[in-house]
Protein backbone atom coordinates (compact mmCIF):
# COMPACT_ATOMS: atom_id res chain seq x y z
CA MET A 1 9.15 5.70 15.41
CA ASN A 2 10.23 2.04 14.63
CA ILE A 3 8.29 1.46 10.69
CA GLY A 4 8.96 -1.77 9.37
CA SER A 5 12.23 -3.56 11.38
CA GLU A 6 14.42 0.18 11.25
CA GLN A 7 14.02 2.57 13.90
CA PHE A 8 13.78 6.12 12.06
CA ALA A 9 13.78 9.61 14.13
CA LEU A 10 11.08 12.71 12.23
CA GLU A 11 10.70 15.73 12.42
CA VAL A 12 6.92 16.86 13.81
CA ALA A 13 4.74 18.58 10.90
CA ARG A 14 2.24 20.34 13.11
CA SER A 15 1.32 23.42 11.33
CA PRO A 16 -0.13 25.03 8.46
CA ALA A 17 3.15 26.60 7.10
CA GLU A 18 5.68 23.82 8.65
CA GLN A 19 3.60 21.58 6.23
CA GLU A 20 3.54 23.79 3.03
CA THR A 21 7.36 23.53 4.10
CA GLY A 22 8.10 20.47 4.39
CA LEU A 23 11.69 18.56 3.16
CA MET A 24 11.30 21.40 0.06
CA LYS A 25 14.80 23.23 0.02
CA ARG A 26 17.19 20.61 1.32
CA ASP A 27 20.16 19.04 -0.55
CA SER A 28 19.39 15.65 1.52
CA MET A 29 17.89 13.46 4.75
CA PRO A 30 19.97 10.90 7.21
CA LYS A 31 19.38 7.99 6.45
CA ASP A 32 17.80 7.48 8.89
CA HIS A 33 15.44 10.22 9.54
CA GLY A 34 11.96 11.85 8.33
CA MET A 35 8.91 12.85 8.14
CA ILE A 36 5.17 12.83 9.70
CA PHE A 37 3.15 15.50 9.29
CA VAL A 38 0.14 14.94 11.79
CA PHE A 39 -3.69 16.20 10.39
CA PRO A 40 -6.50 16.98 12.06
CA ASN A 41 -8.96 14.40 10.61
CA ASP A 42 -8.90 11.15 8.51
CA GLU A 43 -9.65 12.04 4.55
CA VAL A 44 -7.65 11.34 1.51
CA ARG A 45 -4.44 12.91 1.60
CA LYS A 46 -2.57 14.56 -2.30
CA PHE A 47 1.67 15.47 -2.15
CA TRP A 48 3.57 17.01 -3.92
CA MET A 49 7.15 16.92 -4.54
CA LYS A 50 7.66 21.20 -5.69
CA ASN A 51 10.98 22.53 -4.62
CA THR A 52 12.17 18.96 -3.27
CA ARG A 53 15.45 17.54 -4.39
CA PHE A 54 15.54 14.03 -3.85
CA ALA A 55 13.16 10.60 -4.21
CA LEU A 56 10.93 10.24 -0.64
CA ASP A 57 8.32 6.67 -0.29
CA ILE A 58 5.77 7.95 1.74
CA LEU A 59 3.46 6.40 4.22
CA PHE A 60 -0.20 6.97 4.43
CA LEU A 61 -1.59 6.86 8.14
CA ASP A 62 -5.04 6.60 9.54
CA ALA A 63 -5.81 7.42 13.27
CA LYS A 64 -4.76 4.64 14.11
CA GLY A 65 -1.62 4.37 12.81
CA LYS A 66 -2.74 1.75 10.29
CA VAL A 67 -0.92 2.41 6.59
CA VAL A 68 -3.14 2.75 4.40
CA SER A 69 -1.22 4.02 1.57
CA ILE A 70 3.20 3.61 0.41
CA HIS A 71 4.33 4.95 -2.34
CA GLN A 72 7.54 7.15 -4.00
CA MET A 73 7.61 10.49 -4.77
CA LYS A 74 10.66 12.05 -7.81
CA ALA A 75 12.36 15.06 -7.30
CA TYR A 76 10.58 18.19 -8.01
CA ASP A 77 7.13 15.67 -9.64
CA LEU A 78 4.34 18.35 -9.47
CA HIS A 79 1.52 15.73 -9.60
CA GLU A 80 0.13 15.01 -6.51
CA THR A 81 0.41 11.39 -4.41
CA SER A 82 -2.97 10.31 -2.94
CA SER A 83 -3.26 8.68 0.08
CA ASP A 84 -5.38 5.94 -1.20
CA LEU A 85 -7.59 5.89 1.89
CA PRO A 86 -8.25 8.34 4.39
CA ALA A 87 -5.21 8.94 5.86
CA ARG A 88 -4.89 11.69 9.55
CA TYR A 89 -1.07 11.36 9.13
CA ALA A 90 1.67 11.14 6.22
CA VAL A 91 5.39 9.93 7.14
CA GLU A 92 8.15 10.62 3.80
CA LEU A 93 11.02 8.87 4.23
CA ASN A 94 14.61 7.99 1.67
CA ASP A 95 13.32 6.50 -1.28
CA GLY A 96 14.15 2.43 -1.43
CA ALA A 97 13.44 3.81 2.97
CA ALA A 98 9.53 1.89 2.53
CA ALA A 99 11.42 -0.73 0.66
CA GLU A 100 14.09 -1.95 3.30
CA SER A 101 12.24 -1.21 6.19
CA GLY A 102 10.34 -4.37 5.05
CA VAL A 103 6.69 -1.91 5.99
CA LYS A 104 3.68 -3.20 3.87
CA THR A 105 -0.19 -1.38 3.22
CA GLY A 106 -2.35 -2.80 6.10
CA ASP A 107 0.88 -2.95 8.88
CA ASP A 108 0.63 -0.93 12.29
CA VAL A 109 2.42 1.56 13.24
CA ASP A 110 2.59 2.88 16.82
CA ILE A 111 2.45 6.95 16.16
CA PRO A 112 4.56 8.48 18.93
CA SER A 113 2.66 10.48 21.71
CA ALA A 114 5.00 13.33 20.53
CA ALA A 115 3.80 13.21 16.73
CA ARG A 116 0.03 12.12 17.87
CA SER A 117 -3.05 14.45 16.47
CA SER A 118 -4.71 15.91 19.01
CA ASN A 119 -7.90 15.81 18.09
């Protein structure tokens, strides 16, 4: 998936079990990898970092792939990080990857067909 000027290989978390586990209990993730969470509708999304061992950037995207917010999340932080607006997708990348790619709120990202919501 192209995000800003970079390309990332994303794991797809579609089922509730995959979404609940996310990137928990992993020690690291390759620089050009991430995870996309696919939801059936747009709503304000909330994430936390329970059992997540490394810091992440999180991008929230609406159904059309528009970036509605970008946040940084600290390892093991139990505080919720919410999208600023309703979102259909959340993309987790390594800490600093969003800034490095140049992606900004308001940018459009092409959601690959394999990751698109079925609704």
